[in-house]
Amino acid sequence: MPAIFPSEYDVRSGVQFGPTIGTEFTGNFIPPSTGDVESGVQFGGSGNEFAGVFIVPSPDDVRDGVGFGAP
């Protein structure tokens, strides 16, 4: 059975991989900055390499009519 490799979009940017010499493909995935991920949400390698630090403002701190938070 031939080896199955992930899409370049699922491999970190700049990381080379492949079936023969390991450099046939180059990843192009760029993970979000921790500042763009809600505080306490873990992500990255194994799902816990990084933790978000973004603090969602309280509704009282947001002007009426301005949308924020999850879509």
Protein backbone atom coordinates (compact mmCIF):
# COMPACT_ATOMS: atom_id res chain seq x y z
CA MET A 1 0.00 0.00 0.00
CA PRO A 2 1.48 3.39 -0.95
CA ALA A 3 2.15 5.98 1.71
CA ILE A 4 -0.50 8.67 2.13
CA PHE A 5 0.73 12.18 2.83
CA PRO A 6 -1.20 15.19 4.11
CA SER A 7 -2.08 18.12 1.91
CA GLU A 8 0.42 20.97 1.83
CA TYR A 9 -2.37 23.02 3.44
CA ASP A 10 -2.20 20.79 6.53
CA VAL A 11 1.58 21.07 7.01
CA ARG A 12 3.29 24.10 8.56
CA SER A 13 4.70 26.63 6.14
CA GLY A 14 8.28 25.83 5.15
CA VAL A 15 8.24 22.23 6.40
CA GLN A 16 9.32 19.87 3.65
CA PHE A 17 8.01 16.31 3.38
CA GLY A 18 7.50 13.58 0.82
CA PRO A 19 7.76 9.90 -0.02
CA THR A 20 11.29 9.66 -1.40
CA ILE A 21 13.80 12.09 0.04
CA GLY A 22 11.37 14.08 2.14
CA THR A 23 11.57 17.28 0.13
CA GLU A 24 9.06 16.71 -2.66
CA PHE A 25 6.44 18.89 -1.01
CA THR A 26 6.55 22.03 1.15
CA GLY A 27 3.82 22.91 3.63
CA ASN A 28 2.05 26.26 3.40
CA PHE A 29 -0.20 26.31 6.50
CA ILE A 30 0.30 29.33 8.76
CA PRO A 31 -1.33 28.92 12.18
CA PRO A 32 -3.12 31.93 13.67
CA SER A 33 -1.37 34.17 16.16
CA THR A 34 -2.20 33.44 19.80
CA GLY A 35 -3.59 37.00 19.91
CA ASP A 36 -6.21 36.02 17.32
CA VAL A 37 -7.47 33.00 19.27
CA GLU A 38 -9.82 33.33 22.24
CA SER A 39 -8.16 33.04 25.64
CA GLY A 40 -7.98 29.49 26.91
CA VAL A 41 -8.53 27.85 23.50
CA GLN A 42 -5.66 25.47 22.76
CA PHE A 43 -4.43 24.73 19.24
CA GLY A 44 -1.38 23.59 17.28
CA GLY A 45 0.54 20.32 17.42
CA SER A 46 -1.43 17.66 19.30
CA GLY A 47 -4.10 20.31 19.87
CA ASN A 48 -2.28 21.93 22.79
CA GLU A 49 0.96 23.44 21.47
CA PHE A 50 -0.36 26.99 21.88
CA ALA A 51 -3.10 28.70 23.88
CA GLY A 52 -5.04 31.74 22.73
CA VAL A 53 -4.76 34.99 24.66
CA PHE A 54 -7.47 37.14 23.04
CA ILE A 55 -9.98 38.43 25.62
CA VAL A 56 -13.48 38.94 24.23
CA PRO A 57 -14.86 42.26 25.48
CA SER A 58 -17.93 42.34 27.65
CA PRO A 59 -21.12 43.47 25.87
CA ASP A 60 -21.11 46.59 28.08
CA ASP A 61 -17.76 47.59 26.54
CA VAL A 62 -19.02 47.38 22.93
CA ARG A 63 -20.95 50.18 21.23
CA ASP A 64 -24.61 49.41 20.40
CA GLY A 65 -25.02 47.94 16.92
CA VAL A 66 -21.43 46.69 16.63
CA GLY A 67 -21.19 42.94 16.09
CA PHE A 68 -18.51 40.93 17.87
CA GLY A 69 -17.81 37.42 19.07
CA ALA A 70 -18.61 34.20 17.25
CA PRO A 71 -20.51 34.58 13.96
